[in-house]
Amino acid sequence: MTTQTENKIRIRKAAGWILQGHSVSHVVARLAESEGVSRRTARRIAGKAMDLVHRDLEATNVENPQMATVLIHNLQECMARGMESNNIGAAVAAARELSAMLGIGVHNRRPPSRSYGR
């Protein structure tokens, strides 16, 4: 029997992996292996971790937080896979999309050039 503190630690660990861009199925397998829990328990923990990520996103002003959660997760997974496969271009493209979606670095962007390189 695990304590509530242990469960909270596991949920935070799983949420961290999700935010790093790992898929939920990867997180379930990793939890089952590293924590020595059943896959069923790992799925419950991963579900609670996704809820935690969703609640964090709801704290921001996003109009459709559930879809935004899925998009953010997918872009992070694309970045992770790009880095794992040494496809830096894919990782950069996903990072740019995520940055644009979240409005990160807006003040550092140059205005679009109309001269097309002249």
C-alpha atoms as a PDB file:
ATOM      1  CA  MET A   1       0.000   0.000   0.000  1.00  0.00           C
ATOM      2  CA  THR A   2       1.472   3.320  -1.066  1.00  0.00           C
ATOM      3  CA  THR A   3       1.040   6.562   0.772  1.00  0.00           C
ATOM      4  CA  GLN A   4      -0.512   9.698  -0.681  1.00  0.00           C
ATOM      5  CA  THR A   5       2.916  11.322  -0.688  1.00  0.00           C
ATOM      6  CA  GLU A   6       4.360   8.499  -2.800  1.00  0.00           C
ATOM      7  CA  ASN A   7       1.444   8.775  -5.219  1.00  0.00           C
ATOM      8  CA  LYS A   8       1.926  12.536  -5.542  1.00  0.00           C
ATOM      9  CA  ILE A   9       5.621  12.017  -6.268  1.00  0.00           C
ATOM     10  CA  ARG A  10       4.793   9.431  -8.941  1.00  0.00           C
ATOM     11  CA  ILE A  11       2.179  11.709 -10.515  1.00  0.00           C
ATOM     12  CA  ARG A  12       4.628  14.638 -10.602  1.00  0.00           C
ATOM     13  CA  LYS A  13       7.309  12.403 -12.111  1.00  0.00           C
ATOM     14  CA  ALA A  14       4.871  11.202 -14.805  1.00  0.00           C
ATOM     15  CA  ALA A  15       3.735  14.782 -15.509  1.00  0.00           C
ATOM     16  CA  GLY A  16       7.377  15.774 -15.926  1.00  0.00           C
ATOM     17  CA  TRP A  17       7.882  13.038 -18.516  1.00  0.00           C
ATOM     18  CA  ILE A  18       4.722  14.103 -20.338  1.00  0.00           C
ATOM     19  CA  LEU A  19       5.918  17.701 -20.397  1.00  0.00           C
ATOM     20  CA  GLN A  20       9.263  16.522 -21.768  1.00  0.00           C
ATOM     21  CA  GLY A  21       7.352  15.242 -24.780  1.00  0.00           C
ATOM     22  CA  HIS A  22       7.000  11.548 -24.053  1.00  0.00           C
ATOM     23  CA  SER A  23       3.808   9.799 -25.074  1.00  0.00           C
ATOM     24  CA  VAL A  24       1.415   8.510 -22.439  1.00  0.00           C
ATOM     25  CA  SER A  25       2.133   4.907 -23.460  1.00  0.00           C
ATOM     26  CA  HIS A  26       5.854   5.556 -22.968  1.00  0.00           C
ATOM     27  CA  VAL A  27       5.158   7.080 -19.555  1.00  0.00           C
ATOM     28  CA  VAL A  28       3.046   4.046 -18.570  1.00  0.00           C
ATOM     29  CA  ALA A  29       5.818   1.636 -19.561  1.00  0.00           C
ATOM     30  CA  ARG A  30       8.473   3.730 -17.832  1.00  0.00           C
ATOM     31  CA  LEU A  31       6.428   3.992 -14.634  1.00  0.00           C
ATOM     32  CA  ALA A  32       5.771   0.258 -14.574  1.00  0.00           C
ATOM     33  CA  GLU A  33       9.476  -0.431 -14.965  1.00  0.00           C
ATOM     34  CA  SER A  34      10.958   2.236 -12.698  1.00  0.00           C
ATOM     35  CA  GLU A  35       8.372   2.164  -9.913  1.00  0.00           C
ATOM     36  CA  GLY A  36       7.618  -1.549  -9.991  1.00  0.00           C
ATOM     37  CA  VAL A  37       3.869  -1.031 -10.350  1.00  0.00           C
ATOM     38  CA  SER A  38       1.423  -2.861 -12.598  1.00  0.00           C
ATOM     39  CA  ARG A  39       0.580  -1.395 -15.979  1.00  0.00           C
ATOM     40  CA  ARG A  40      -2.964  -0.769 -14.738  1.00  0.00           C
ATOM     41  CA  THR A  41      -1.649   1.309 -11.833  1.00  0.00           C
ATOM     42  CA  ALA A  42       0.785   3.067 -14.161  1.00  0.00           C
ATOM     43  CA  ARG A  43      -2.139   3.957 -16.475  1.00  0.00           C
ATOM     44  CA  ARG A  44      -4.035   5.456 -13.522  1.00  0.00           C
ATOM     45  CA  ILE A  45      -0.979   7.485 -12.517  1.00  0.00           C
ATOM     46  CA  ALA A  46      -0.451   8.668 -16.113  1.00  0.00           C
ATOM     47  CA  GLY A  47      -4.113   9.678 -16.307  1.00  0.00           C
ATOM     48  CA  LYS A  48      -3.773  11.735 -13.147  1.00  0.00           C
ATOM     49  CA  ALA A  49      -0.583  13.266 -14.552  1.00  0.00           C
ATOM     50  CA  MET A  50      -2.431  14.305 -17.724  1.00  0.00           C
ATOM     51  CA  ASP A  51      -5.137  15.836 -15.519  1.00  0.00           C
ATOM     52  CA  LEU A  52      -2.431  17.746 -13.647  1.00  0.00           C
ATOM     53  CA  VAL A  53      -0.975  19.058 -16.915  1.00  0.00           C
ATOM     54  CA  HIS A  54      -4.497  19.980 -18.043  1.00  0.00           C
ATOM     55  CA  ARG A  55      -5.213  21.873 -14.792  1.00  0.00           C
ATOM     56  CA  ASP A  56      -1.942  23.771 -15.177  1.00  0.00           C
ATOM     57  CA  LEU A  57      -2.950  24.740 -18.697  1.00  0.00           C
ATOM     58  CA  GLU A  58      -6.392  25.855 -17.513  1.00  0.00           C
ATOM     59  CA  ALA A  59      -4.638  28.395 -15.306  1.00  0.00           C
ATOM     60  CA  THR A  60      -3.557  30.167 -18.504  1.00  0.00           C
ATOM     61  CA  ASN A  61      -6.040  31.985 -20.693  1.00  0.00           C
ATOM     62  CA  VAL A  62      -6.593  29.437 -23.481  1.00  0.00           C
ATOM     63  CA  GLU A  63      -9.975  29.201 -25.164  1.00  0.00           C
ATOM     64  CA  ASN A  64      -9.985  25.426 -25.664  1.00  0.00           C
ATOM     65  CA  PRO A  65      -7.692  23.997 -22.989  1.00  0.00           C
ATOM     66  CA  GLN A  66      -8.308  20.330 -23.815  1.00  0.00           C
ATOM     67  CA  MET A  67      -7.305  20.754 -27.454  1.00  0.00           C
ATOM     68  CA  ALA A  68      -4.397  22.962 -26.467  1.00  0.00           C
ATOM     69  CA  THR A  69      -3.214  20.237 -24.080  1.00  0.00           C
ATOM     70  CA  VAL A  70      -3.248  17.684 -26.885  1.00  0.00           C
ATOM     71  CA  LEU A  71      -1.484  20.027 -29.317  1.00  0.00           C
ATOM     72  CA  ILE A  72       1.194  20.968 -26.813  1.00  0.00           C
ATOM     73  CA  HIS A  73       1.762  17.337 -25.920  1.00  0.00           C
ATOM     74  CA  ASN A  74       1.997  16.303 -29.582  1.00  0.00           C
ATOM     75  CA  LEU A  75       4.449  19.084 -30.406  1.00  0.00           C
ATOM     76  CA  GLN A  76       6.597  18.153 -27.423  1.00  0.00           C
ATOM     77  CA  GLU A  77       6.540  14.519 -28.526  1.00  0.00           C
ATOM     78  CA  CYS A  78       7.596  15.597 -32.041  1.00  0.00           C
ATOM     79  CA  MET A  79      10.497  17.543 -30.564  1.00  0.00           C
ATOM     80  CA  ALA A  80      11.586  14.567 -28.455  1.00  0.00           C
ATOM     81  CA  ARG A  81      11.407  12.164 -31.407  1.00  0.00           C
ATOM     82  CA  GLY A  82      13.293  14.599 -33.609  1.00  0.00           C
ATOM     83  CA  MET A  83      16.065  14.847 -31.051  1.00  0.00           C
ATOM     84  CA  GLU A  84      16.163  11.064 -30.514  1.00  0.00           C
ATOM     85  CA  SER A  85      16.453  10.395 -34.254  1.00  0.00           C
ATOM     86  CA  ASN A  86      18.988  13.218 -34.716  1.00  0.00           C
ATOM     87  CA  ASN A  87      16.499  15.089 -36.939  1.00  0.00           C
ATOM     88  CA  ILE A  88      17.238  18.569 -35.664  1.00  0.00           C
ATOM     89  CA  GLY A  89      15.090  20.220 -38.353  1.00  0.00           C
ATOM     90  CA  ALA A  90      11.959  18.431 -37.141  1.00  0.00           C
ATOM     91  CA  ALA A  91      12.746  19.319 -33.529  1.00  0.00           C
ATOM     92  CA  VAL A  92      13.276  22.989 -34.419  1.00  0.00           C
ATOM     93  CA  ALA A  93      10.072  23.119 -36.481  1.00  0.00           C
ATOM     94  CA  ALA A  94       8.054  21.650 -33.593  1.00  0.00           C
ATOM     95  CA  ALA A  95       9.708  24.052 -31.152  1.00  0.00           C
ATOM     96  CA  ARG A  96       8.832  27.018 -33.379  1.00  0.00           C
ATOM     97  CA  GLU A  97       5.203  25.914 -33.657  1.00  0.00           C
ATOM     98  CA  LEU A  98       4.983  25.441 -29.905  1.00  0.00           C
ATOM     99  CA  SER A  99       6.608  28.813 -29.322  1.00  0.00           C
ATOM    100  CA  ALA A 100       4.172  30.531 -31.678  1.00  0.00           C
ATOM    101  CA  MET A 101       1.215  28.752 -30.118  1.00  0.00           C
ATOM    102  CA  LEU A 102       2.191  29.803 -26.611  1.00  0.00           C
ATOM    103  CA  GLY A 103       3.343  33.296 -27.577  1.00  0.00           C
ATOM    104  CA  ILE A 104       6.855  32.719 -26.288  1.00  0.00           C
ATOM    105  CA  GLY A 105       9.470  35.097 -27.662  1.00  0.00           C
ATOM    106  CA  VAL A 106       6.990  37.304 -29.530  1.00  0.00           C
ATOM    107  CA  HIS A 107       8.923  40.427 -28.562  1.00  0.00           C
ATOM    108  CA  ASN A 108      12.140  38.980 -30.063  1.00  0.00           C
ATOM    109  CA  ARG A 109      10.765  38.320 -33.544  1.00  0.00           C
ATOM    110  CA  ARG A 110      11.697  40.439 -36.512  1.00  0.00           C
ATOM    111  CA  PRO A 111       8.909  41.906 -38.612  1.00  0.00           C
ATOM    112  CA  PRO A 112       8.382  39.970 -41.852  1.00  0.00           C
ATOM    113  CA  SER A 113      10.531  41.138 -44.725  1.00  0.00           C
ATOM    114  CA  ARG A 114       8.681  42.149 -47.877  1.00  0.00           C
ATOM    115  CA  SER A 115      11.821  42.449 -49.974  1.00  0.00           C
ATOM    116  CA  TYR A 116      12.390  38.676 -50.074  1.00  0.00           C
ATOM    117  CA  GLY A 117      16.073  38.924 -49.232  1.00  0.00           C
ATOM    118  CA  ARG A 118      16.997  42.118 -51.092  1.00  0.00           C
END
